[in-house]
Amino acid sequence: MSEDLLDAYSRAVTGAVARVAPAVVHIELPNGAGSGFVFAPDGLILTNSHVVSGNVHVKVTLLDGRRFDADVVGDDPDTDLAVLRISADTLASIEFGDSAALRPGQLVIAIGNPFGFQHTVTAGVVSALGRGLRARTGRLIENLVQTDAALNPGSSGGPLVTPAGTVVGVNTAIIRGGNGIAFAIPSSTARAVVSSLLREGRVRRAVLGISAQTTAIARRFVIEHRLGAAHGVVVTEVHRGSRADAANVKAGDVIVDFGGVATDSVDALHRQLAATAIGVPVPIRILRHGVLRRLTVVPADPLERTDPAAIAS
């Protein structure tokens, strides 16, 4: 690499760091630490859910050394995002960029506090797009940005930024034992989740009130009923008093279609429910003992569940 190219690379990284670093924060907890960043100058901070989950006492330290108590405004374990608030104003903040415009090979910069070393800067490229990892809740977090910018414990919640200094990802995970494999939640997801967390303190996702798992469908049924996929979602439990119960869904039913779209996995059903308005009737098709049936369900808010042990599906 020529000296001119090295100089251009260095200017791109140092310029981004100069713009972003004042907004990156160190998050301290009784049982650990993490990173975050100010996204609104009146004290709103974005971080990972797993960083702050279960913690009542959260402290935030800024680049200039100021230290604040922080309140958890909202938490969404399904996307591993959480919003904090500190009592401060006119803070340096970072704008969200367009993660949809990212391309493999593009330069990105990560800033965080790995192992407590505050405001550590690493740089790399977008290794791949559209990756998926399981959240601690078991749900699939989709469309993750894979990068080789070095991340370590404590980096979680810090921003992944472009040379222009805009956030295109929230650093969230590393592959332990892997070299140069790290993941960030895309800014497109972060924007939507932040909006819900600020409005309601949570993300409302429609549920049916079932436990279920992905299952293969016998080829003869796929052909006979002209199904759109060779897999479906078998209902293992219907929670008493749930919307699925009211719709006459039974344990053993295989959901093959939700709202006119093939449902070939539990992850697909989660996606379909996430895009569904709560309280609006949805036609579904099920296989019951090999017979295709049509039912109508009305997805509910998870807080409406009557069975506290129910698992939202």
C-alpha atoms as a PDB file:
ATOM      1  CA  MET A   1       0.000   0.000   0.000  1.00  0.00           C
ATOM      2  CA  SER A   2       1.448   3.357  -1.018  1.00  0.00           C
ATOM      3  CA  GLU A   3       2.150   6.109   1.482  1.00  0.00           C
ATOM      4  CA  ASP A   4      -0.599   8.256  -0.086  1.00  0.00           C
ATOM      5  CA  LEU A   5      -3.146   5.482   0.418  1.00  0.00           C
ATOM      6  CA  LEU A   6      -2.004   4.971   4.011  1.00  0.00           C
ATOM      7  CA  ASP A   7      -2.353   8.685   4.657  1.00  0.00           C
ATOM      8  CA  ALA A   8      -5.854   8.707   3.154  1.00  0.00           C
ATOM      9  CA  TYR A   9      -6.825   5.695   5.281  1.00  0.00           C
ATOM     10  CA  SER A  10      -5.451   7.338   8.417  1.00  0.00           C
ATOM     11  CA  ARG A  11      -7.277  10.585   7.697  1.00  0.00           C
ATOM     12  CA  ALA A  12     -10.543   8.715   7.177  1.00  0.00           C
ATOM     13  CA  VAL A  13     -10.225   6.889  10.504  1.00  0.00           C
ATOM     14  CA  THR A  14      -8.924   9.804  12.565  1.00  0.00           C
ATOM     15  CA  GLY A  15     -11.562  12.130  11.117  1.00  0.00           C
ATOM     16  CA  ALA A  16     -14.360   9.736  12.036  1.00  0.00           C
ATOM     17  CA  VAL A  17     -12.971   9.232  15.543  1.00  0.00           C
ATOM     18  CA  ALA A  18     -12.725  12.991  16.113  1.00  0.00           C
ATOM     19  CA  ARG A  19     -16.406  13.362  15.244  1.00  0.00           C
ATOM     20  CA  VAL A  20     -17.689  10.290  17.069  1.00  0.00           C
ATOM     21  CA  ALA A  21     -15.554   9.730  20.187  1.00  0.00           C
ATOM     22  CA  PRO A  22     -17.098  12.538  22.311  1.00  0.00           C
ATOM     23  CA  ALA A  23     -20.462  10.788  22.033  1.00  0.00           C
ATOM     24  CA  VAL A  24     -19.223   7.311  23.012  1.00  0.00           C
ATOM     25  CA  VAL A  25     -19.782   6.396  26.657  1.00  0.00           C
ATOM     26  CA  HIS A  26     -18.474   3.855  29.134  1.00  0.00           C
ATOM     27  CA  ILE A  27     -21.269   2.001  30.956  1.00  0.00           C
ATOM     28  CA  GLU A  28     -20.495   0.699  34.447  1.00  0.00           C
ATOM     29  CA  LEU A  29     -22.568  -1.905  36.255  1.00  0.00           C
ATOM     30  CA  PRO A  30     -22.216  -3.861  39.531  1.00  0.00           C
ATOM     31  CA  ASN A  31     -21.574  -7.014  37.505  1.00  0.00           C
ATOM     32  CA  GLY A  32     -19.679  -5.718  34.489  1.00  0.00           C
ATOM     33  CA  ALA A  33     -19.264  -2.970  31.949  1.00  0.00           C
ATOM     34  CA  GLY A  34     -20.019  -2.106  28.367  1.00  0.00           C
ATOM     35  CA  SER A  35     -20.279   0.661  25.826  1.00  0.00           C
ATOM     36  CA  GLY A  36     -22.917   2.929  24.359  1.00  0.00           C
ATOM     37  CA  PHE A  37     -23.317   6.174  22.481  1.00  0.00           C
ATOM     38  CA  VAL A  38     -25.360   9.346  22.753  1.00  0.00           C
ATOM     39  CA  PHE A  39     -27.795   9.614  19.848  1.00  0.00           C
ATOM     40  CA  ALA A  40     -29.702  12.690  21.051  1.00  0.00           C
ATOM     41  CA  PRO A  41     -28.052  15.714  22.689  1.00  0.00           C
ATOM     42  CA  ASP A  42     -30.546  15.738  25.581  1.00  0.00           C
ATOM     43  CA  GLY A  43     -29.014  12.614  27.123  1.00  0.00           C
ATOM     44  CA  LEU A  44     -30.429   9.600  25.256  1.00  0.00           C
ATOM     45  CA  ILE A  45     -27.985   6.716  24.923  1.00  0.00           C
ATOM     46  CA  LEU A  46     -28.202   3.503  22.898  1.00  0.00           C
ATOM     47  CA  THR A  47     -26.537   0.291  24.047  1.00  0.00           C
ATOM     48  CA  ASN A  48     -27.114  -3.469  24.067  1.00  0.00           C
ATOM     49  CA  SER A  49     -29.863  -5.045  26.105  1.00  0.00           C
ATOM     50  CA  HIS A  50     -27.451  -7.675  27.414  1.00  0.00           C
ATOM     51  CA  VAL A  51     -25.203  -4.926  28.781  1.00  0.00           C
ATOM     52  CA  VAL A  52     -27.850  -3.456  31.092  1.00  0.00           C
ATOM     53  CA  SER A  53     -30.318  -6.335  31.505  1.00  0.00           C
ATOM     54  CA  GLY A  54     -31.231  -6.923  35.137  1.00  0.00           C
ATOM     55  CA  ASN A  55     -29.309  -3.900  36.394  1.00  0.00           C
ATOM     56  CA  VAL A  56     -31.005  -1.165  38.370  1.00  0.00           C
ATOM     57  CA  HIS A  57     -27.864   0.857  39.038  1.00  0.00           C
ATOM     58  CA  VAL A  58     -26.208   2.006  35.818  1.00  0.00           C
ATOM     59  CA  LYS A  59     -23.494   4.639  35.633  1.00  0.00           C
ATOM     60  CA  VAL A  60     -22.258   6.330  32.472  1.00  0.00           C
ATOM     61  CA  THR A  61     -18.907   8.055  31.971  1.00  0.00           C
ATOM     62  CA  LEU A  62     -18.305  10.474  29.099  1.00  0.00           C
ATOM     63  CA  LEU A  63     -15.053  11.103  27.254  1.00  0.00           C
ATOM     64  CA  ASP A  64     -14.463  14.288  29.274  1.00  0.00           C
ATOM     65  CA  GLY A  65     -14.661  12.319  32.536  1.00  0.00           C
ATOM     66  CA  ARG A  66     -18.131  13.413  33.659  1.00  0.00           C
ATOM     67  CA  ARG A  67     -20.059  10.597  35.348  1.00  0.00           C
ATOM     68  CA  PHE A  68     -23.845  10.240  35.528  1.00  0.00           C
ATOM     69  CA  ASP A  69     -26.469   7.901  36.927  1.00  0.00           C
ATOM     70  CA  ALA A  70     -28.528   6.521  34.048  1.00  0.00           C
ATOM     71  CA  ASP A  71     -32.123   5.313  33.858  1.00  0.00           C
ATOM     72  CA  VAL A  72     -33.202   2.494  31.544  1.00  0.00           C
ATOM     73  CA  VAL A  73     -35.884   4.039  29.312  1.00  0.00           C
ATOM     74  CA  GLY A  74     -36.634   0.864  27.417  1.00  0.00           C
ATOM     75  CA  ASP A  75     -35.224  -2.575  26.728  1.00  0.00           C
ATOM     76  CA  ASP A  76     -35.753  -4.999  23.836  1.00  0.00           C
ATOM     77  CA  PRO A  77     -33.962  -8.307  24.431  1.00  0.00           C
ATOM     78  CA  ASP A  78     -35.240  -9.691  21.110  1.00  0.00           C
ATOM     79  CA  THR A  79     -32.989  -7.280  19.192  1.00  0.00           C
ATOM     80  CA  ASP A  80     -30.445  -6.842  22.021  1.00  0.00           C
ATOM     81  CA  LEU A  81     -31.005  -3.084  22.191  1.00  0.00           C
ATOM     82  CA  ALA A  82     -31.731  -0.762  25.120  1.00  0.00           C
ATOM     83  CA  VAL A  83     -32.094   2.983  25.579  1.00  0.00           C
ATOM     84  CA  LEU A  84     -30.717   4.864  28.611  1.00  0.00           C
ATOM     85  CA  ARG A  85     -31.191   8.455  29.693  1.00  0.00           C
ATOM     86  CA  ILE A  86     -28.874  10.695  31.681  1.00  0.00           C
ATOM     87  CA  SER A  87     -29.733  14.128  33.088  1.00  0.00           C
ATOM     88  CA  ALA A  88     -27.583  16.246  30.814  1.00  0.00           C
ATOM     89  CA  ASP A  89     -28.087  18.381  27.753  1.00  0.00           C
ATOM     90  CA  THR A  90     -26.125  19.843  24.836  1.00  0.00           C
ATOM     91  CA  LEU A  91     -24.137  16.612  24.680  1.00  0.00           C
ATOM     92  CA  ALA A  92     -22.130  15.509  21.673  1.00  0.00           C
ATOM     93  CA  SER A  93     -24.230  12.997  19.741  1.00  0.00           C
ATOM     94  CA  ILE A  94     -23.981  10.740  16.690  1.00  0.00           C
ATOM     95  CA  GLU A  95     -26.470  10.525  13.844  1.00  0.00           C
ATOM     96  CA  PHE A  96     -27.797   7.278  12.446  1.00  0.00           C
ATOM     97  CA  GLY A  97     -26.637   6.471   8.938  1.00  0.00           C
ATOM     98  CA  ASP A  98     -28.108   4.207   6.266  1.00  0.00           C
ATOM     99  CA  SER A  99     -27.096   0.583   6.899  1.00  0.00           C
ATOM    100  CA  ALA A 100     -28.962  -0.435   3.735  1.00  0.00           C
ATOM    101  CA  ALA A 101     -26.307   1.408   1.723  1.00  0.00           C
ATOM    102  CA  LEU A 102     -23.435  -0.660   3.145  1.00  0.00           C
ATOM    103  CA  ARG A 103     -21.413  -2.863   0.820  1.00  0.00           C
ATOM    104  CA  PRO A 104     -18.946  -5.664   1.587  1.00  0.00           C
ATOM    105  CA  GLY A 105     -15.418  -4.279   1.706  1.00  0.00           C
ATOM    106  CA  GLN A 106     -16.493  -0.847   2.934  1.00  0.00           C
ATOM    107  CA  LEU A 107     -14.359   0.750   5.651  1.00  0.00           C
ATOM    108  CA  VAL A 108     -15.977   0.890   9.110  1.00  0.00           C
ATOM    109  CA  ILE A 109     -14.699   2.021  12.505  1.00  0.00           C
ATOM    110  CA  ALA A 110     -15.661   0.700  15.949  1.00  0.00           C
ATOM    111  CA  ILE A 111     -15.249   2.591  19.222  1.00  0.00           C
ATOM    112  CA  GLY A 112     -15.860   1.086  22.637  1.00  0.00           C
ATOM    113  CA  ASN A 113     -14.440   0.076  25.987  1.00  0.00           C
ATOM    114  CA  PRO A 114     -13.067  -3.467  25.681  1.00  0.00           C
ATOM    115  CA  PHE A 115     -11.890  -4.855  29.015  1.00  0.00           C
ATOM    116  CA  GLY A 116     -12.446  -1.383  30.481  1.00  0.00           C
ATOM    117  CA  PHE A 117      -9.926   0.329  28.182  1.00  0.00           C
ATOM    118  CA  GLN A 118     -12.023   3.387  27.438  1.00  0.00           C
ATOM    119  CA  HIS A 119     -12.515   4.748  23.922  1.00  0.00           C
ATOM    120  CA  THR A 120     -10.557   2.062  22.120  1.00  0.00           C
ATOM    121  CA  VAL A 121     -10.631   2.485  18.351  1.00  0.00           C
ATOM    122  CA  THR A 122     -10.491  -0.378  15.862  1.00  0.00           C
ATOM    123  CA  ALA A 123     -11.065  -0.329  12.124  1.00  0.00           C
ATOM    124  CA  GLY A 124     -11.886  -2.886   9.489  1.00  0.00           C
ATOM    125  CA  VAL A 125     -14.262  -3.586   6.671  1.00  0.00           C
ATOM    126  CA  VAL A 126     -17.799  -4.823   6.243  1.00  0.00           C
ATOM    127  CA  SER A 127     -17.119  -8.540   5.848  1.00  0.00           C
ATOM    128  CA  ALA A 128     -20.679  -9.542   4.951  1.00  0.00           C
ATOM    129  CA  LEU A 129     -24.295  -8.419   5.231  1.00  0.00           C
ATOM    130  CA  GLY A 130     -27.526 -10.162   6.150  1.00  0.00           C
ATOM    131  CA  ARG A 131     -26.114 -12.401   8.865  1.00  0.00           C
ATOM    132  CA  GLY A 132     -28.313 -13.838  11.628  1.00  0.00           C
ATOM    133  CA  LEU A 133     -27.647 -14.704  15.275  1.00  0.00           C
ATOM    134  CA  ARG A 134     -29.846 -15.815  18.159  1.00  0.00           C
ATOM    135  CA  ALA A 135     -30.698 -13.287  20.829  1.00  0.00           C
ATOM    136  CA  ARG A 136     -30.657 -14.506  24.419  1.00  0.00           C
ATOM    137  CA  THR A 137     -34.431 -14.852  24.149  1.00  0.00           C
ATOM    138  CA  GLY A 138     -33.997 -17.424  21.370  1.00  0.00           C
ATOM    139  CA  ARG A 139     -35.348 -15.170  18.641  1.00  0.00           C
ATOM    140  CA  LEU A 140     -33.311 -14.650  15.509  1.00  0.00           C
ATOM    141  CA  ILE A 141     -31.733 -11.215  15.072  1.00  0.00           C
ATOM    142  CA  GLU A 142     -31.563 -10.755  11.319  1.00  0.00           C
ATOM    143  CA  ASN A 143     -29.680  -8.575   8.834  1.00  0.00           C
ATOM    144  CA  LEU A 144     -26.641  -8.201  11.082  1.00  0.00           C
ATOM    145  CA  VAL A 145     -23.528  -6.516   9.736  1.00  0.00           C
ATOM    146  CA  GLN A 146     -20.440  -8.725   9.923  1.00  0.00           C
ATOM    147  CA  THR A 147     -17.130  -6.901  10.316  1.00  0.00           C
ATOM    148  CA  ASP A 148     -13.500  -7.702  11.023  1.00  0.00           C
ATOM    149  CA  ALA A 149     -13.064  -4.565  13.157  1.00  0.00           C
ATOM    150  CA  ALA A 150     -11.713  -6.059  16.394  1.00  0.00           C
ATOM    151  CA  LEU A 151     -14.258  -6.293  19.224  1.00  0.00           C
ATOM    152  CA  ASN A 152     -13.796  -7.723  22.701  1.00  0.00           C
ATOM    153  CA  PRO A 153     -15.851  -8.032  25.901  1.00  0.00           C
ATOM    154  CA  GLY A 154     -16.819  -4.499  26.861  1.00  0.00           C
ATOM    155  CA  SER A 155     -17.141  -3.345  23.239  1.00  0.00           C
ATOM    156  CA  SER A 156     -20.808  -4.333  23.227  1.00  0.00           C
ATOM    157  CA  GLY A 157     -23.147  -1.411  22.655  1.00  0.00           C
ATOM    158  CA  GLY A 158     -20.563   0.816  21.018  1.00  0.00           C
ATOM    159  CA  PRO A 159     -21.100   2.312  17.572  1.00  0.00           C
ATOM    160  CA  LEU A 160     -19.926   0.982  14.236  1.00  0.00           C
ATOM    161  CA  VAL A 161     -19.489   4.056  12.058  1.00  0.00           C
ATOM    162  CA  THR A 162     -18.558   5.090   8.541  1.00  0.00           C
ATOM    163  CA  PRO A 163     -15.686   7.451   7.758  1.00  0.00           C
ATOM    164  CA  ALA A 164     -18.346  10.184   7.622  1.00  0.00           C
ATOM    165  CA  GLY A 165     -19.010   9.527  11.318  1.00  0.00           C
ATOM    166  CA  THR A 166     -22.559   8.176  11.021  1.00  0.00           C
ATOM    167  CA  VAL A 167     -23.716   5.069  12.893  1.00  0.00           C
ATOM    168  CA  VAL A 168     -24.436   2.091  10.663  1.00  0.00           C
ATOM    169  CA  GLY A 169     -24.418  -0.516  13.418  1.00  0.00           C
ATOM    170  CA  VAL A 170     -24.469  -1.215  17.142  1.00  0.00           C
ATOM    171  CA  ASN A 171     -21.677  -3.636  18.039  1.00  0.00           C
ATOM    172  CA  THR A 172     -23.253  -6.632  19.694  1.00  0.00           C
ATOM    173  CA  ALA A 173     -21.411  -9.939  19.406  1.00  0.00           C
ATOM    174  CA  ILE A 174     -18.184 -11.751  18.705  1.00  0.00           C
ATOM    175  CA  ILE A 175     -17.545 -15.376  17.850  1.00  0.00           C
ATOM    176  CA  ARG A 176     -15.482 -16.677  20.740  1.00  0.00           C
ATOM    177  CA  GLY A 177     -12.415 -18.395  19.380  1.00  0.00           C
ATOM    178  CA  GLY A 178     -12.990 -16.764  16.017  1.00  0.00           C
ATOM    179  CA  ASN A 179     -10.488 -14.316  14.583  1.00  0.00           C
ATOM    180  CA  GLY A 180     -11.847 -11.175  12.984  1.00  0.00           C
ATOM    181  CA  ILE A 181     -15.522 -12.150  13.137  1.00  0.00           C
ATOM    182  CA  ALA A 182     -17.806  -9.660  14.870  1.00  0.00           C
ATOM    183  CA  PHE A 183     -21.386  -8.506  14.381  1.00  0.00           C
ATOM    184  CA  ALA A 184     -23.377  -5.290  14.673  1.00  0.00           C
ATOM    185  CA  ILE A 185     -27.109  -4.647  14.705  1.00  0.00           C
ATOM    186  CA  PRO A 186     -27.841  -2.502  11.617  1.00  0.00           C
ATOM    187  CA  SER A 187     -28.912   1.101  12.071  1.00  0.00           C
ATOM    188  CA  SER A 188     -32.157   0.372  10.200  1.00  0.00           C
ATOM    189  CA  THR A 189     -33.173  -1.994  13.009  1.00  0.00           C
ATOM    190  CA  ALA A 190     -31.880   0.375  15.694  1.00  0.00           C
ATOM    191  CA  ARG A 191     -33.962   3.291  14.385  1.00  0.00           C
ATOM    192  CA  ALA A 192     -37.199   1.301  14.501  1.00  0.00           C
ATOM    193  CA  VAL A 193     -36.513  -0.173  17.925  1.00  0.00           C
ATOM    194  CA  VAL A 194     -35.466   3.179  19.417  1.00  0.00           C
ATOM    195  CA  SER A 195     -38.718   4.732  18.222  1.00  0.00           C
ATOM    196  CA  SER A 196     -40.763   2.044  19.994  1.00  0.00           C
ATOM    197  CA  LEU A 197     -38.674   2.145  23.168  1.00  0.00           C
ATOM    198  CA  LEU A 198     -39.031   5.910  23.473  1.00  0.00           C
ATOM    199  CA  ARG A 199     -42.759   5.722  22.814  1.00  0.00           C
ATOM    200  CA  GLU A 200     -43.692   2.750  25.009  1.00  0.00           C
ATOM    201  CA  GLY A 201     -40.575   1.497  26.776  1.00  0.00           C
ATOM    202  CA  ARG A 202     -40.809  -1.767  24.853  1.00  0.00           C
ATOM    203  CA  VAL A 203     -41.381  -3.149  21.376  1.00  0.00           C
ATOM    204  CA  ARG A 204     -44.901  -4.486  20.913  1.00  0.00           C
ATOM    205  CA  ARG A 205     -44.873  -7.640  18.833  1.00  0.00           C
ATOM    206  CA  ALA A 206     -48.046  -9.546  18.077  1.00  0.00           C
ATOM    207  CA  VAL A 207     -48.351 -13.030  19.588  1.00  0.00           C
ATOM    208  CA  LEU A 208     -50.732 -15.948  19.154  1.00  0.00           C
ATOM    209  CA  GLY A 209     -50.253 -17.647  22.506  1.00  0.00           C
ATOM    210  CA  ILE A 210     -48.611 -20.867  21.378  1.00  0.00           C
ATOM    211  CA  SER A 211     -45.389 -22.793  21.793  1.00  0.00           C
ATOM    212  CA  ALA A 212     -44.164 -24.242  18.517  1.00  0.00           C
ATOM    213  CA  GLN A 213     -41.250 -25.602  16.545  1.00  0.00           C
ATOM    214  CA  THR A 214     -40.260 -26.024  12.921  1.00  0.00           C
ATOM    215  CA  THR A 215     -41.208 -29.355  11.352  1.00  0.00           C
ATOM    216  CA  ALA A 216     -40.935 -31.134   8.006  1.00  0.00           C
ATOM    217  CA  ILE A 217     -44.156 -31.794   6.091  1.00  0.00           C
ATOM    218  CA  ALA A 218     -44.666 -35.120   4.378  1.00  0.00           C
ATOM    219  CA  ARG A 219     -44.121 -34.789   0.641  1.00  0.00           C
ATOM    220  CA  ARG A 220     -47.554 -36.249  -0.158  1.00  0.00           C
ATOM    221  CA  PHE A 221     -49.239 -33.421   1.780  1.00  0.00           C
ATOM    222  CA  VAL A 222     -47.078 -30.792   0.102  1.00  0.00           C
ATOM    223  CA  ILE A 223     -48.150 -32.116  -3.311  1.00  0.00           C
ATOM    224  CA  GLU A 224     -51.773 -32.821  -2.397  1.00  0.00           C
ATOM    225  CA  HIS A 225     -52.397 -29.361  -0.920  1.00  0.00           C
ATOM    226  CA  ARG A 226     -49.992 -27.490  -3.218  1.00  0.00           C
ATOM    227  CA  LEU A 227     -48.188 -26.001  -0.261  1.00  0.00           C
ATOM    228  CA  GLY A 228     -45.604 -23.302  -0.734  1.00  0.00           C
ATOM    229  CA  ALA A 229     -42.937 -25.012   1.416  1.00  0.00           C
ATOM    230  CA  ALA A 230     -41.865 -28.442   2.620  1.00  0.00           C
ATOM    231  CA  HIS A 231     -41.679 -27.257   6.219  1.00  0.00           C
ATOM    232  CA  GLY A 232     -44.184 -25.713   8.588  1.00  0.00           C
ATOM    233  CA  VAL A 233     -44.639 -24.818  12.253  1.00  0.00           C
ATOM    234  CA  VAL A 234     -46.060 -27.509  14.505  1.00  0.00           C
ATOM    235  CA  VAL A 235     -47.961 -26.264  17.552  1.00  0.00           C
ATOM    236  CA  THR A 236     -46.678 -28.026  20.667  1.00  0.00           C
ATOM    237  CA  GLU A 237     -48.883 -26.140  23.138  1.00  0.00           C
ATOM    238  CA  VAL A 238     -51.827 -23.741  22.985  1.00  0.00           C
ATOM    239  CA  HIS A 239     -51.952 -21.468  26.014  1.00  0.00           C
ATOM    240  CA  ARG A 240     -55.285 -21.373  27.770  1.00  0.00           C
ATOM    241  CA  GLY A 241     -57.298 -18.218  27.076  1.00  0.00           C
ATOM    242  CA  SER A 242     -54.962 -17.108  24.277  1.00  0.00           C
ATOM    243  CA  ARG A 243     -56.003 -15.828  20.863  1.00  0.00           C
ATOM    244  CA  ALA A 244     -54.900 -19.129  19.332  1.00  0.00           C
ATOM    245  CA  ASP A 245     -57.144 -20.942  21.803  1.00  0.00           C
ATOM    246  CA  ALA A 246     -60.057 -18.718  20.811  1.00  0.00           C
ATOM    247  CA  ALA A 247     -59.366 -19.475  17.132  1.00  0.00           C
ATOM    248  CA  ASN A 248     -59.569 -23.248  17.801  1.00  0.00           C
ATOM    249  CA  VAL A 249     -55.882 -23.895  17.135  1.00  0.00           C
ATOM    250  CA  LYS A 250     -54.927 -27.285  18.621  1.00  0.00           C
ATOM    251  CA  ALA A 251     -51.675 -28.860  19.742  1.00  0.00           C
ATOM    252  CA  GLY A 252     -50.382 -30.915  16.825  1.00  0.00           C
ATOM    253  CA  ASP A 253     -51.664 -28.500  14.175  1.00  0.00           C
ATOM    254  CA  VAL A 254     -49.055 -27.526  11.597  1.00  0.00           C
ATOM    255  CA  ILE A 255     -49.240 -23.887  10.520  1.00  0.00           C
ATOM    256  CA  VAL A 256     -48.347 -23.737   6.817  1.00  0.00           C
ATOM    257  CA  ASP A 257     -49.577 -20.273   5.892  1.00  0.00           C
ATOM    258  CA  PHE A 258     -50.014 -16.993   7.753  1.00  0.00           C
ATOM    259  CA  GLY A 259     -51.871 -14.181   6.041  1.00  0.00           C
ATOM    260  CA  GLY A 260     -51.410 -15.755   2.631  1.00  0.00           C
ATOM    261  CA  VAL A 261     -47.642 -16.245   3.023  1.00  0.00           C
ATOM    262  CA  ALA A 262     -45.999 -19.642   3.490  1.00  0.00           C
ATOM    263  CA  THR A 263     -44.771 -20.228   7.046  1.00  0.00           C
ATOM    264  CA  ASP A 264     -41.820 -22.615   6.828  1.00  0.00           C
ATOM    265  CA  SER A 265     -40.174 -22.033  10.229  1.00  0.00           C
ATOM    266  CA  VAL A 266     -40.671 -20.536  13.664  1.00  0.00           C
ATOM    267  CA  ASP A 267     -38.382 -17.697  12.595  1.00  0.00           C
ATOM    268  CA  ALA A 268     -40.652 -17.030   9.617  1.00  0.00           C
ATOM    269  CA  LEU A 269     -43.679 -16.957  11.924  1.00  0.00           C
ATOM    270  CA  HIS A 270     -41.894 -14.475  14.196  1.00  0.00           C
ATOM    271  CA  ARG A 271     -41.186 -12.255  11.183  1.00  0.00           C
ATOM    272  CA  GLN A 272     -44.791 -12.483  10.028  1.00  0.00           C
ATOM    273  CA  LEU A 273     -46.122 -11.633  13.490  1.00  0.00           C
ATOM    274  CA  ALA A 274     -43.710  -8.710  13.807  1.00  0.00           C
ATOM    275  CA  ALA A 275     -45.191  -7.262  10.615  1.00  0.00           C
ATOM    276  CA  THR A 276     -48.768  -7.842  11.766  1.00  0.00           C
ATOM    277  CA  ALA A 277     -50.981  -5.267  13.474  1.00  0.00           C
ATOM    278  CA  ILE A 278     -52.168  -6.288  16.929  1.00  0.00           C
ATOM    279  CA  GLY A 279     -55.915  -6.924  17.038  1.00  0.00           C
ATOM    280  CA  VAL A 280     -56.363  -7.335  13.267  1.00  0.00           C
ATOM    281  CA  PRO A 281     -57.780 -10.717  12.123  1.00  0.00           C
ATOM    282  CA  VAL A 282     -55.385 -12.811  10.041  1.00  0.00           C
ATOM    283  CA  PRO A 283     -56.332 -15.891   7.989  1.00  0.00           C
ATOM    284  CA  ILE A 284     -54.090 -18.908   8.519  1.00  0.00           C
ATOM    285  CA  ARG A 285     -53.968 -22.378   7.040  1.00  0.00           C
ATOM    286  CA  ILE A 286     -53.128 -25.427   9.128  1.00  0.00           C
ATOM    287  CA  LEU A 287     -52.682 -29.124   8.573  1.00  0.00           C
ATOM    288  CA  ARG A 288     -54.640 -31.175  11.136  1.00  0.00           C
ATOM    289  CA  HIS A 289     -54.147 -34.913  10.734  1.00  0.00           C
ATOM    290  CA  GLY A 290     -53.235 -34.282   7.097  1.00  0.00           C
ATOM    291  CA  VAL A 291     -56.387 -32.270   6.376  1.00  0.00           C
ATOM    292  CA  LEU A 292     -55.946 -28.647   5.317  1.00  0.00           C
ATOM    293  CA  ARG A 293     -58.078 -26.263   7.374  1.00  0.00           C
ATOM    294  CA  ARG A 294     -58.582 -22.523   7.341  1.00  0.00           C
ATOM    295  CA  LEU A 295     -58.821 -20.539  10.568  1.00  0.00           C
ATOM    296  CA  THR A 296     -58.785 -16.874  11.521  1.00  0.00           C
ATOM    297  CA  VAL A 297     -56.649 -15.637  14.419  1.00  0.00           C
ATOM    298  CA  VAL A 298     -56.471 -12.199  16.010  1.00  0.00           C
ATOM    299  CA  PRO A 299     -52.871 -11.622  17.197  1.00  0.00           C
ATOM    300  CA  ALA A 300     -52.610 -10.041  20.632  1.00  0.00           C
ATOM    301  CA  ASP A 301     -50.278  -7.861  22.640  1.00  0.00           C
ATOM    302  CA  PRO A 302     -48.064 -10.196  24.742  1.00  0.00           C
ATOM    303  CA  LEU A 303     -49.130  -8.382  27.916  1.00  0.00           C
ATOM    304  CA  GLU A 304     -52.678  -9.648  27.292  1.00  0.00           C
ATOM    305  CA  ARG A 305     -51.593 -13.243  27.919  1.00  0.00           C
ATOM    306  CA  THR A 306     -53.451 -14.898  30.748  1.00  0.00           C
ATOM    307  CA  ASP A 307     -50.886 -17.663  31.273  1.00  0.00           C
ATOM    308  CA  PRO A 308     -47.718 -16.181  32.827  1.00  0.00           C
ATOM    309  CA  ALA A 309     -45.717 -19.182  31.661  1.00  0.00           C
ATOM    310  CA  ALA A 310     -46.717 -18.680  28.016  1.00  0.00           C
ATOM    311  CA  ILE A 311     -43.949 -18.260  25.509  1.00  0.00           C
ATOM    312  CA  ALA A 312     -44.709 -15.682  22.806  1.00  0.00           C
ATOM    313  CA  SER A 313     -44.508 -17.294  19.395  1.00  0.00           C
END
